[in-house]
Amino acid sequence: MTVPLTKTRETSVFKTWLGKNIRYFKRYWTLYLLLLLPLVYFVIFRYAPMINILQAFKQNHILLPVWQVPWANNYGMEHFINAFADRDFLYALRNTLMLNALDLVLGFPAPIILAILLNELAFKRFKRVTQTIAYMPHFLSWVIIAGLATQLFAPTNGFVNILLHRMGIIESLPGIRFLDDSFNWVWTYVFLGIWQSVGWNTIIYLAAITSINPELYEAAAVDGANRLRKIWHVTLPGLKPTIIILLIMSLGRILGSDFDRPMALRNAAVTNVSDVISIFVYLRGLLALQFSLSTAVGLFQSVICVIFLLAANKIAEKAGERGIW
């Protein structure tokens, strides 16, 4: 009995593919061995704890394993219903969207502008010094930044108010209550966030600018383009793919919230605007021991962030741009 030619050919192709991969693995097995440690880390600390997502649909019980805890009322949706009936959660949701939207509108263009300005500097030494000074705040913790802000923006003896008073902008001290007034606190919060992150984020855009072909600038100069025209027609189009990717990732965090930044800057006078979702989860989950409620809120937050990420990526692809995958 003869073996069909098609089957023999498929077997030969499979053996060739298998031998090729075995030789490749034997040659680079050390790289896969190095990859094993981060894979184990992600499995143990990222994926295995996901089973506790069930806590959002179970009764609030921390002494039993989550799979042994009875389901919550309303088909497991009790904690989601209670969250949206809680006024504090609705305030936290509003504050999270408001602060993240301001960070996106005001903070996202800042590193782009700074990167273009640094790229246009003629004195390279001054450029390096300026860039170093700009990204140094990134390495300060928010506890330190909050301490500095408390001293600088104090209404009576703070440096900023004293300077404004001597310049004649304010008539007398105490002056502007930057951290004790809700409206002023929001803008101070956004300003400190931009100051802390703008230099570090600029590095990404400067790296993207270096990848732009210098011949494009030479061609623009031959066509009579001035410096502003070069920025508009060469630099910004070269930065466009990087801007799109980072914008998609920023939109994916529109409902996300850091804990250290608002927690370090908040005080009793501005809780109506400073308490975001992460602080709500901390107050209800760790302090009030409502673990199921806080898990439900965290799950809701993560799902919304994923939806925003997918929607932003899809819009970018529809517009003819390359997404993040």
Protein backbone atom coordinates (compact mmCIF):
# COMPACT_ATOMS: atom_id res chain seq x y z
CA MET A 1 0.00 0.00 0.00
CA THR A 2 1.48 3.35 -1.05
CA VAL A 3 1.27 6.50 1.09
CA PRO A 4 -0.52 9.40 -0.65
CA LEU A 5 1.81 12.04 -1.98
CA THR A 6 -0.06 14.82 -0.16
CA LYS A 7 0.33 13.13 3.23
CA THR A 8 4.04 12.50 2.62
CA ARG A 9 4.54 16.15 1.73
CA GLU A 10 2.70 17.32 4.86
CA THR A 11 4.85 15.03 7.03
CA SER A 12 8.02 16.36 5.40
CA VAL A 13 6.95 19.97 5.97
CA PHE A 14 6.13 19.23 9.62
CA LYS A 15 9.50 17.55 10.20
CA THR A 16 11.29 20.50 8.59
CA TRP A 17 9.34 22.97 10.76
CA LEU A 18 9.95 20.93 13.92
CA GLY A 19 13.67 20.54 13.26
CA LYS A 20 14.02 24.24 12.52
CA ASN A 21 12.33 25.19 15.81
CA ILE A 22 14.36 22.68 17.82
CA ARG A 23 17.59 24.13 16.44
CA TYR A 24 16.37 27.64 17.18
CA PHE A 25 15.47 26.73 20.78
CA LYS A 26 18.82 25.02 21.35
CA ARG A 27 20.58 28.14 20.15
CA TYR A 28 18.57 30.67 22.18
CA TRP A 29 17.41 28.64 25.19
CA THR A 30 19.17 31.03 27.60
CA LEU A 31 16.92 33.88 26.45
CA TYR A 32 13.81 31.82 27.19
CA LEU A 33 15.28 30.93 30.56
CA LEU A 34 15.62 34.64 31.34
CA LEU A 35 12.01 35.13 30.23
CA LEU A 36 10.82 32.47 32.67
CA LEU A 37 11.18 34.68 35.76
CA PRO A 38 8.93 37.54 34.55
CA LEU A 39 6.40 34.98 33.31
CA VAL A 40 6.29 33.37 36.75
CA TYR A 41 5.93 36.83 38.31
CA PHE A 42 2.93 37.68 36.11
CA VAL A 43 1.27 34.34 36.74
CA ILE A 44 1.65 34.52 40.53
CA PHE A 45 1.05 38.23 41.15
CA ARG A 46 -1.13 39.26 38.20
CA TYR A 47 -3.25 36.36 36.99
CA ALA A 48 -3.66 34.10 40.03
CA PRO A 49 -5.18 36.90 42.19
CA MET A 50 -7.84 37.47 39.51
CA ILE A 51 -9.91 34.74 41.09
CA ASN A 52 -10.73 37.26 43.82
CA ILE A 53 -12.73 39.25 41.28
CA LEU A 54 -15.54 36.92 42.35
CA GLN A 55 -15.58 38.86 45.63
CA ALA A 56 -17.50 41.59 43.77
CA PHE A 57 -20.40 39.17 43.29
CA LYS A 58 -20.23 37.45 46.68
CA GLN A 59 -21.30 38.42 50.17
CA ASN A 60 -18.84 40.44 52.24
CA HIS A 61 -16.88 37.67 53.98
CA ILE A 62 -13.08 37.59 54.32
CA LEU A 63 -12.55 34.51 56.49
CA LEU A 64 -13.62 31.95 53.88
CA PRO A 65 -12.08 31.32 50.44
CA VAL A 66 -13.89 33.35 47.84
CA TRP A 67 -15.32 30.26 46.11
CA GLN A 68 -17.00 29.17 49.36
CA VAL A 69 -18.68 32.50 50.08
CA PRO A 70 -22.41 32.64 49.18
CA TRP A 71 -23.48 34.78 46.24
CA ALA A 72 -24.74 38.29 46.95
CA ASN A 73 -28.37 39.29 46.49
CA ASN A 74 -29.89 40.48 43.20
CA TYR A 75 -28.13 37.72 41.27
CA GLY A 76 -24.74 38.82 42.58
CA MET A 77 -25.20 42.49 41.59
CA GLU A 78 -25.98 43.76 45.09
CA HIS A 79 -22.69 45.60 45.57
CA PHE A 80 -22.86 47.30 42.17
CA ILE A 81 -26.37 48.53 42.99
CA ASN A 82 -25.26 49.75 46.40
CA ALA A 83 -22.28 51.55 44.87
CA PHE A 84 -24.42 53.56 42.44
CA ALA A 85 -26.87 54.33 45.23
CA ASP A 86 -24.01 55.70 47.35
CA ARG A 87 -23.62 59.49 47.07
CA ASP A 88 -19.93 59.30 48.01
CA PHE A 89 -19.23 56.94 45.12
CA LEU A 90 -21.04 59.22 42.66
CA TYR A 91 -18.98 62.16 43.90
CA ALA A 92 -15.80 60.07 43.57
CA LEU A 93 -16.80 59.08 40.03
CA ARG A 94 -17.44 62.72 39.11
CA ASN A 95 -14.16 63.89 40.63
CA THR A 96 -12.18 61.14 38.89
CA LEU A 97 -13.59 62.04 35.47
CA MET A 98 -13.14 65.77 36.08
CA LEU A 99 -9.52 65.59 37.28
CA ASN A 100 -8.48 63.07 34.63
CA ALA A 101 -10.14 65.14 31.89
CA LEU A 102 -8.27 68.26 33.02
CA ASP A 103 -5.02 66.28 33.18
CA LEU A 104 -5.66 65.07 29.63
CA VAL A 105 -6.64 68.43 28.13
CA LEU A 106 -3.95 70.50 29.86
CA GLY A 107 -1.29 67.94 30.67
CA PHE A 108 -1.15 65.88 27.48
CA PRO A 109 0.01 68.70 25.14
CA ALA A 110 2.58 70.01 27.66
CA PRO A 111 5.37 67.46 27.00
CA ILE A 112 4.83 67.80 23.24
CA ILE A 113 5.31 71.57 23.44
CA LEU A 114 8.32 71.23 25.74
CA ALA A 115 9.93 68.61 23.48
CA ILE A 116 9.56 70.87 20.43
CA LEU A 117 10.99 73.85 22.34
CA LEU A 118 13.96 71.82 23.55
CA ASN A 119 14.56 70.50 20.06
CA GLU A 120 14.66 74.04 18.69
CA LEU A 121 17.27 75.24 21.20
CA ALA A 122 20.54 76.12 19.49
CA PHE A 123 22.73 75.77 22.59
CA LYS A 124 23.04 72.03 23.24
CA ARG A 125 24.49 72.41 26.74
CA PHE A 126 21.59 74.64 27.80
CA LYS A 127 19.21 72.09 26.27
CA ARG A 128 20.68 69.23 28.33
CA VAL A 129 20.60 71.26 31.54
CA THR A 130 17.00 72.33 30.94
CA GLN A 131 15.90 68.79 30.15
CA THR A 132 17.57 67.45 33.29
CA ILE A 133 15.93 70.08 35.48
CA ALA A 134 12.56 69.40 33.83
CA TYR A 135 12.45 65.66 34.50
CA MET A 136 13.95 65.70 38.02
CA PRO A 137 10.52 66.21 39.72
CA HIS A 138 9.49 62.82 38.34
CA PHE A 139 11.70 61.17 40.95
CA LEU A 140 10.05 62.97 43.86
CA SER A 141 7.30 61.14 45.73
CA TRP A 142 3.94 62.85 46.08
CA VAL A 143 4.43 63.01 49.83
CA ILE A 144 7.46 65.26 49.27
CA ILE A 145 5.65 67.30 46.61
CA ALA A 146 2.65 67.75 48.91
CA GLY A 147 4.95 68.97 51.70
CA LEU A 148 6.57 71.48 49.34
CA ALA A 149 3.17 72.61 48.07
CA THR A 150 1.89 73.13 51.60
CA GLN A 151 4.82 75.43 52.37
CA LEU A 152 4.86 77.27 49.04
CA PHE A 153 1.09 77.82 48.74
CA ALA A 154 0.30 78.62 52.38
CA PRO A 155 -2.13 81.59 52.46
CA THR A 156 -0.24 83.59 55.11
CA ASN A 157 3.47 82.76 54.97
CA GLY A 158 3.72 80.83 51.72
CA PHE A 159 6.31 81.99 49.19
CA VAL A 160 3.77 82.28 46.35
CA ASN A 161 1.34 84.49 48.26
CA ILE A 162 4.14 86.66 49.64
CA LEU A 163 5.47 87.12 46.09
CA LEU A 164 2.00 87.97 44.76
CA HIS A 165 1.52 90.47 47.58
CA ARG A 166 4.84 92.23 46.90
CA MET A 167 4.03 92.38 43.20
CA GLY A 168 0.72 94.06 44.04
CA ILE A 169 -1.46 91.29 42.59
CA ILE A 170 -3.13 90.69 45.97
CA GLU A 171 -3.77 93.51 48.42
CA SER A 172 -3.11 91.81 51.75
CA LEU A 173 -2.28 88.57 53.48
CA PRO A 174 -3.66 85.96 53.98
CA GLY A 175 -3.88 85.66 50.23
CA ILE A 176 -5.16 83.03 47.82
CA ARG A 177 -6.11 79.74 49.48
CA PHE A 178 -4.63 77.38 46.90
CA LEU A 179 -5.11 74.17 48.89
CA ASP A 180 -8.10 75.07 51.10
CA ASP A 181 -10.54 76.26 48.43
CA SER A 182 -12.18 73.64 46.20
CA PHE A 183 -11.86 75.61 42.96
CA ASN A 184 -8.25 76.63 43.59
CA TRP A 185 -7.36 73.13 44.77
CA VAL A 186 -8.40 71.59 41.44
CA TRP A 187 -6.15 73.89 39.42
CA THR A 188 -3.28 73.50 41.87
CA TYR A 189 -3.69 69.71 41.63
CA VAL A 190 -3.54 69.82 37.83
CA PHE A 191 -0.59 72.24 37.82
CA LEU A 192 1.45 70.07 40.21
CA GLY A 193 0.69 67.00 38.12
CA ILE A 194 1.95 68.70 34.95
CA TRP A 195 5.05 70.00 36.75
CA GLN A 196 5.85 66.53 38.09
CA SER A 197 5.44 64.57 34.85
CA VAL A 198 6.06 66.92 31.93
CA GLY A 199 9.84 66.51 31.85
CA TRP A 200 9.76 62.73 32.02
CA ASN A 201 7.13 62.42 29.28
CA THR A 202 9.15 64.79 27.12
CA ILE A 203 11.85 62.11 26.78
CA ILE A 204 9.50 59.98 24.66
CA TYR A 205 8.79 62.81 22.23
CA LEU A 206 12.44 63.85 22.02
CA ALA A 207 13.30 60.26 21.10
CA ALA A 208 10.63 60.34 18.40
CA ILE A 209 12.00 63.64 17.05
CA THR A 210 15.49 62.15 16.69
CA SER A 211 14.04 59.48 14.39
CA ILE A 212 12.77 62.09 11.90
CA ASN A 213 14.87 62.16 8.74
CA PRO A 214 17.06 65.34 8.78
CA GLU A 215 16.72 65.55 5.00
CA LEU A 216 13.08 66.55 5.50
CA TYR A 217 14.20 69.68 7.37
CA GLU A 218 16.76 70.42 4.64
CA ALA A 219 14.10 70.05 1.95
CA ALA A 220 11.77 72.35 3.89
CA ALA A 221 14.55 74.94 4.19
CA VAL A 222 15.16 74.77 0.43
CA ASP A 223 11.44 75.42 -0.10
CA GLY A 224 11.72 78.54 2.03
CA ALA A 225 10.08 77.26 5.21
CA ASN A 226 10.90 79.16 8.39
CA ARG A 227 11.26 77.55 11.81
CA LEU A 228 7.52 77.54 12.57
CA ARG A 229 6.74 76.02 9.18
CA LYS A 230 9.30 73.26 9.80
CA ILE A 231 7.67 72.48 13.12
CA TRP A 232 4.19 72.38 11.57
CA HIS A 233 5.02 70.44 8.41
CA VAL A 234 7.92 68.22 9.54
CA THR A 235 8.18 67.86 13.33
CA LEU A 236 4.49 67.45 14.18
CA PRO A 237 3.78 64.92 11.37
CA GLY A 238 6.84 62.98 12.55
CA LEU A 239 5.46 62.97 16.10
CA LYS A 240 1.95 62.04 15.02
CA PRO A 241 2.24 58.22 15.45
CA THR A 242 3.73 58.63 18.93
CA ILE A 243 1.07 61.18 19.90
CA ILE A 244 -1.73 58.86 18.75
CA ILE A 245 -0.42 55.88 20.72
CA LEU A 246 0.10 57.88 23.91
CA LEU A 247 -3.30 59.54 23.51
CA ILE A 248 -4.99 56.14 23.22
CA MET A 249 -3.23 54.96 26.37
CA SER A 250 -4.21 58.16 28.19
CA LEU A 251 -7.86 57.73 27.20
CA GLY A 252 -7.67 54.19 28.52
CA ARG A 253 -6.86 55.66 31.94
CA ILE A 254 -9.64 58.27 31.87
CA LEU A 255 -11.46 56.55 34.75
CA GLY A 256 -8.31 55.30 36.43
CA SER A 257 -7.04 57.15 39.46
CA ASP A 258 -3.76 57.29 41.28
CA PHE A 259 -3.91 56.99 45.04
CA ASP A 260 -0.78 58.79 46.23
CA ARG A 261 -1.33 62.08 44.39
CA PRO A 262 -4.89 62.96 45.56
CA MET A 263 -4.31 61.37 48.97
CA ALA A 264 -1.21 63.46 49.64
CA LEU A 265 -2.82 66.73 48.50
CA ARG A 266 -6.29 66.30 50.00
CA ASN A 267 -7.53 67.83 53.22
CA ALA A 268 -10.82 68.10 55.06
CA ALA A 269 -11.76 71.37 53.33
CA VAL A 270 -11.69 69.98 49.76
CA THR A 271 -12.97 66.41 50.08
CA ASN A 272 -15.86 67.30 47.75
CA VAL A 273 -13.39 67.53 44.84
CA SER A 274 -10.36 65.55 46.03
CA ASP A 275 -11.93 62.18 46.87
CA VAL A 276 -11.54 60.03 43.75
CA ILE A 277 -12.36 56.36 43.21
CA SER A 278 -9.06 55.09 44.61
CA ILE A 279 -9.65 56.99 47.85
CA PHE A 280 -13.23 55.73 47.99
CA VAL A 281 -11.96 52.16 47.64
CA TYR A 282 -9.40 52.77 50.38
CA LEU A 283 -11.94 54.28 52.78
CA ARG A 284 -14.60 51.63 52.18
CA GLY A 285 -12.41 48.61 51.53
CA LEU A 286 -9.59 48.91 54.06
CA LEU A 287 -11.00 51.20 56.72
CA ALA A 288 -14.68 50.19 56.64
CA LEU A 289 -13.92 46.52 55.73
CA GLN A 290 -16.45 46.50 52.88
CA PHE A 291 -14.25 44.36 50.66
CA SER A 292 -16.99 43.20 48.31
CA LEU A 293 -18.17 46.75 47.64
CA SER A 294 -14.66 48.02 46.98
CA THR A 295 -13.95 45.03 44.70
CA ALA A 296 -17.11 45.78 42.73
CA VAL A 297 -16.08 49.43 42.34
CA GLY A 298 -12.57 48.43 41.23
CA LEU A 299 -13.99 45.97 38.69
CA PHE A 300 -16.35 48.61 37.31
CA GLN A 301 -13.43 51.04 37.01
CA SER A 302 -11.28 48.50 35.15
CA VAL A 303 -14.04 47.54 32.71
CA ILE A 304 -14.76 51.17 31.83
CA CYS A 305 -11.05 51.82 31.27
CA VAL A 306 -10.82 48.84 28.90
CA ILE A 307 -13.88 50.08 27.00
CA PHE A 308 -12.34 53.54 26.59
CA LEU A 309 -9.07 51.96 25.45
CA LEU A 310 -10.76 49.79 22.83
CA ALA A 311 -12.95 52.66 21.61
CA ALA A 312 -10.00 55.05 21.30
CA ASN A 313 -7.97 52.43 19.44
CA LYS A 314 -10.86 51.73 17.07
CA ILE A 315 -11.39 55.45 16.37
CA ALA A 316 -7.69 55.83 15.59
CA GLU A 317 -7.82 52.93 13.15
CA LYS A 318 -10.96 54.33 11.50
CA ALA A 319 -9.14 57.63 11.05
CA GLY A 320 -6.35 55.85 9.20
CA GLU A 321 -3.86 55.84 12.05
CA ARG A 322 -2.07 52.88 13.53
CA GLY A 323 -3.41 51.79 16.92
CA ILE A 324 -1.57 50.10 19.76
CA TRP A 325 -2.13 46.61 18.30
